[in-house]
Structures are given as structure tokens and as C-alpha cells.
Protein backbone atom coordinates (compact mmCIF):
# COMPACT_ATOMS: atom_id res chain seq x y z
CA MET A 1 -33.71 236.80 -27.67
CA ILE A 2 -31.97 233.48 -27.55
CA ASP A 3 -32.53 231.28 -24.46
CA VAL A 4 -30.24 228.36 -23.83
CA GLN A 5 -30.82 225.77 -21.10
CA ILE A 6 -28.37 223.08 -20.25
CA THR A 7 -29.43 220.13 -18.12
CA LEU A 8 -26.77 218.04 -16.47
CA ASN A 9 -27.55 214.48 -15.61
CA ASP A 10 -24.03 213.41 -14.81
CA ALA A 11 -23.54 213.34 -10.97
CA GLU A 12 -19.73 213.69 -11.36
CA THR A 13 -20.06 216.90 -13.44
CA LYS A 14 -22.58 218.32 -11.02
CA THR A 15 -20.26 217.63 -8.08
CA PHE A 16 -17.32 219.16 -9.94
CA LEU A 17 -19.27 222.37 -10.71
CA VAL A 18 -20.59 222.66 -7.09
CA ASN A 19 -17.06 222.25 -5.70
CA ALA A 20 -15.57 224.71 -8.27
CA LYS A 21 -18.25 227.32 -7.31
CA ARG A 22 -17.52 226.82 -3.58
CA LYS A 23 -13.76 227.26 -4.18
CA LEU A 24 -14.35 230.30 -6.40
CA ASP A 25 -16.47 231.87 -3.58
CA GLU A 26 -13.49 231.55 -1.18
CA THR A 27 -11.88 234.84 -2.09
CA GLU A 28 -10.19 235.65 1.27
CA LYS A 29 -6.81 234.22 0.16
CA PRO A 30 -6.45 236.00 -3.20
CA LEU A 31 -7.70 239.20 -1.62
CA ALA A 32 -5.18 238.95 1.22
CA THR A 33 -2.42 238.14 -1.27
CA SER A 34 -3.40 241.14 -3.44
CA MET A 35 -3.45 243.38 -0.34
CA MET A 36 0.08 242.35 0.74
CA TYR A 37 1.25 242.81 -2.83
CA MET A 38 -0.11 246.38 -2.81
CA VAL A 39 1.54 247.06 0.54
CA GLY A 40 4.87 246.17 -1.03
CA SER A 41 4.15 248.29 -4.10
CA ILE A 42 3.28 251.30 -2.02
CA LYS A 43 6.49 250.85 -0.01
CA ARG A 44 8.39 250.77 -3.29
CA ASN A 45 6.82 254.16 -4.06
CA PHE A 46 8.31 255.54 -0.86
CA LEU A 47 11.74 253.97 -1.45
CA ALA A 48 11.87 255.26 -5.02
CA GLN A 49 10.57 258.68 -3.79
CA GLY A 50 7.77 258.56 -6.27
CA ARG A 51 6.87 256.16 -9.11
CA PRO A 52 6.55 256.31 -12.12
CA ILE A 53 7.46 260.00 -11.82
CA GLY A 54 9.65 261.18 -8.93
CA TRP A 55 8.15 263.45 -6.27
CA LYS A 56 8.96 267.13 -6.12
CA PRO A 57 12.15 267.58 -3.98
CA LEU A 58 11.98 268.79 -0.39
CA SER A 59 12.13 272.57 0.21
CA ALA A 60 15.16 274.15 1.81
CA TYR A 61 13.03 274.89 4.88
CA THR A 62 11.98 271.28 5.25
CA LEU A 63 15.55 270.10 4.85
CA ALA A 64 16.69 272.55 7.56
CA MET A 65 13.96 271.34 9.94
CA ARG A 66 14.77 267.64 9.54
CA ARG A 67 15.56 265.73 12.72
CA LYS A 68 19.31 265.55 12.88
CA GLY A 69 19.48 263.41 16.03
CA LYS A 70 17.73 260.33 14.54
CA GLY A 71 19.78 258.13 12.35
CA THR A 72 21.41 260.06 9.53
CA GLY A 73 18.86 262.90 9.45
CA SER A 74 18.21 261.63 5.91
CA ALA A 75 16.49 263.82 3.29
CA GLN A 76 14.19 261.06 2.09
CA ILE A 77 10.87 262.55 0.90
CA LEU A 78 7.90 261.64 3.19
CA ARG A 79 10.20 259.60 5.42
CA ASP A 80 11.50 261.87 8.16
CA THR A 81 10.33 259.49 10.88
CA GLY A 82 8.93 256.61 8.77
CA THR A 83 5.51 256.87 10.45
CA LEU A 84 3.56 257.41 7.24
CA MET A 85 5.26 254.61 5.26
CA ASN A 86 5.00 252.19 8.15
CA SER A 87 1.33 252.97 8.71
CA ILE A 88 0.50 251.08 5.47
CA ASN A 89 1.30 247.73 7.17
CA PRO A 90 -1.69 245.76 8.43
CA GLY A 91 -1.99 246.15 12.17
CA ALA A 92 0.39 249.15 12.37
CA ILE A 93 -0.60 252.33 14.15
CA GLY A 94 -2.78 254.46 11.80
CA SER A 95 -3.24 251.55 9.38
CA ILE A 96 -6.58 250.91 7.65
CA THR A 97 -4.96 248.06 5.57
CA LYS A 98 -7.07 244.89 5.84
CA SER A 99 -8.75 242.18 3.79
CA GLY A 100 -11.83 240.01 4.23
CA LYS A 101 -14.23 237.87 2.24
CA THR A 102 -15.36 240.48 -0.28
CA GLU A 103 -12.76 243.27 -0.30
CA ALA A 104 -9.20 244.32 0.43
CA GLN A 105 -8.26 247.79 1.57
CA VAL A 106 -4.81 249.41 1.63
CA GLY A 107 -4.39 252.81 3.24
CA THR A 108 -3.60 254.90 6.25
CA ALA A 109 -5.55 256.96 8.74
CA ILE A 110 -2.51 259.12 9.61
CA GLU A 111 -3.92 262.68 9.99
CA TYR A 112 -1.55 264.37 7.49
CA ALA A 113 -1.62 261.62 4.83
CA GLY A 114 -4.23 263.35 2.63
CA LEU A 115 -2.17 266.57 2.60
CA MET A 116 0.88 264.57 1.46
CA GLN A 117 -1.07 262.62 -1.14
CA TYR A 118 -3.01 265.54 -2.72
CA GLY A 119 -0.94 268.54 -1.69
CA GLY A 120 -2.31 271.81 -0.21
CA THR A 121 -1.53 274.44 2.31
CA GLY A 122 0.24 273.47 5.49
CA ARG A 123 0.54 275.52 8.65
CA ILE A 124 3.45 275.33 11.07
CA PRO A 125 2.18 276.97 14.27
CA ALA A 126 4.21 279.73 16.03
CA ARG A 127 6.46 278.21 18.66
CA THR A 128 9.29 278.87 21.02
CA ILE A 129 12.30 276.60 20.83
CA VAL A 130 14.30 275.97 23.95
CA PRO A 131 17.47 273.99 23.33
CA LYS A 132 18.34 271.02 25.53
CA LYS A 133 22.00 272.15 25.68
CA LYS A 134 22.79 275.64 26.98
CA LYS A 135 25.11 276.50 24.08
CA ALA A 136 23.04 274.91 21.32
CA LEU A 137 21.73 278.22 19.87
CA ARG A 138 24.91 280.16 19.06
CA PHE A 139 25.00 283.43 17.10
CA MET A 140 27.72 285.89 16.23
CA ILE A 141 26.70 289.55 16.87
CA GLY A 142 29.24 292.30 16.23
CA GLY A 143 32.05 289.77 16.34
CA LYS A 144 30.95 288.57 19.74
CA GLU A 145 29.64 285.03 20.38
CA VAL A 146 26.14 285.13 21.91
CA PHE A 147 24.02 282.16 23.13
CA ALA A 148 20.21 282.25 23.07
CA ARG A 149 18.21 280.63 25.77
CA LYS A 150 15.23 280.37 23.49
CA VAL A 151 14.17 281.35 20.02
CA TYR A 152 10.66 282.39 18.92
CA GLN A 153 9.52 281.21 15.45
CA PRO A 154 6.37 282.86 14.01
CA GLU A 155 3.65 280.85 12.27
CA LYS A 156 4.66 279.68 8.81
CA VAL A 157 2.23 278.90 5.99
CA THR A 158 3.63 276.74 3.18
CA GLN A 159 2.39 275.15 -0.02
CA ILE A 160 2.93 271.41 0.03
CA PRO A 161 3.07 269.67 -3.37
CA ALA A 162 1.11 266.51 -4.14
CA ARG A 163 3.26 263.45 -3.64
CA LYS A 164 1.05 260.50 -4.61
CA PHE A 165 2.14 257.40 -2.64
CA LEU A 166 -1.19 255.45 -2.61
CA LEU A 167 -1.59 254.46 -6.24
CA PHE A 168 -1.63 251.52 -8.57
CA GLN A 169 1.32 251.26 -11.01
CA ASP A 170 -0.37 250.49 -14.30
CA PRO A 171 0.14 247.98 -15.85
CA GLU A 172 2.57 246.34 -13.35
CA ASP A 173 0.29 246.20 -10.25
CA ILE A 174 -2.89 245.50 -12.22
CA ASP A 175 -1.25 242.64 -14.17
CA ARG A 176 0.02 241.11 -10.92
CA ILE A 177 -3.37 241.23 -9.18
CA GLN A 178 -5.02 239.73 -12.25
CA LYS A 179 -2.46 236.90 -12.13
CA ILE A 180 -3.29 236.34 -8.43
CA PHE A 181 -6.98 235.91 -9.30
CA SER A 182 -6.29 233.85 -12.42
CA GLN A 183 -4.29 231.42 -10.28
CA HIS A 184 -7.26 231.31 -7.83
CA VAL A 185 -9.68 230.45 -10.70
CA ASN A 186 -7.30 227.82 -12.18
CA LYS A 187 -6.92 226.16 -8.77
CA ALA A 188 -10.72 226.18 -8.26
CA ILE A 189 -11.37 224.34 -11.55
CA GLU A 190 -8.62 221.72 -11.15
CA LYS A 191 -9.96 218.20 -10.93
């Protein structure tokens, strides 16, 4: 075993090292910067509908069930209402995105997020649909126009594919976070 001991007698060098250590210990800012960078990266996953590999397209059933009254009724994957994507923002409803002195966390507590991330079996409970407009549910039976007052839909069990939205893009995200911390170190050891 080799044991090396260095003794510093120079007060200026000691002060520099003490100050550098204090600055290096102040990790709140690079952690917060890294957290916000990852929030942006995750939002880019949603906007690209999967990165680096696109998510599996929506099923015909899902497309048919999309909300047509909101905006364009867009067929964006995992973005029918925007709740899941927006829950990644710090302070948003369902968000667990935060940073502190020793860690940064990016995520969501939205109940169905795990099912969307990892895939699995989803259940749509049986329900009765009552239209707001009297003539909204129109059918043709025997050449005659018939209007339904309500429609019963039985329970539906469906297989939901994994659509990973909470993930690091390697090497892009890892390189950027390393740069954030390299800048922190360089700033701490500046004279």
C-alpha cells in the first residue's frame, strides 16, 4: 500500500480549497437545471410520439373513443387530454417532479401512468351513454331513421402496449447532464 500525505502551509491555497469545496457542495442549482432539462426531454418524447423508437399506433377503438369536442380531437398518442404530459411539470397536478440539495426527481403520480409506461391489461367498465342532444345517437334500421335515448356498452378488456415516456435518451440526455455538472465543477474551482 502506498500512503501519500500532503501538507499545505499556504493560507491562500487552503482558502481556495475550502471555498471550492463549499461551492461544490452547493448542488441545488445543477440538480434543478438537470431536472428542468429532463422535463423538456420527456415532453419531446410526447411530441415525437416516442423516441428513439416511435410508440405503437393507437387502436381503432381508441381512435373512435377520442374526445371530438375538445380542440381537433387529435389522434396524438398519450395526449387525448394532455393530463399525463402536463403532470411532468413541477407543481402540476399529479407531478412528483422536484429537486433539492442531494437529488432531482422527474415523474408523475397520475394513476394510469404506469400502465402507459409499461403496458398491460386495461379495463373499460360497462357503462350507459346518454347523449346530450336528443338526436345524437342516430341509427338506420330497415331503411328507417331511429334515435336512441341511451346506449349500453359492456365491459371491455384491452391489451395496452408499453409506451415508454419516462426515459433518458442516451447519449443525448446523459451528455447534457454531464455538461451541466462539469460547468458546476469548473465554476467552483475558478479563482
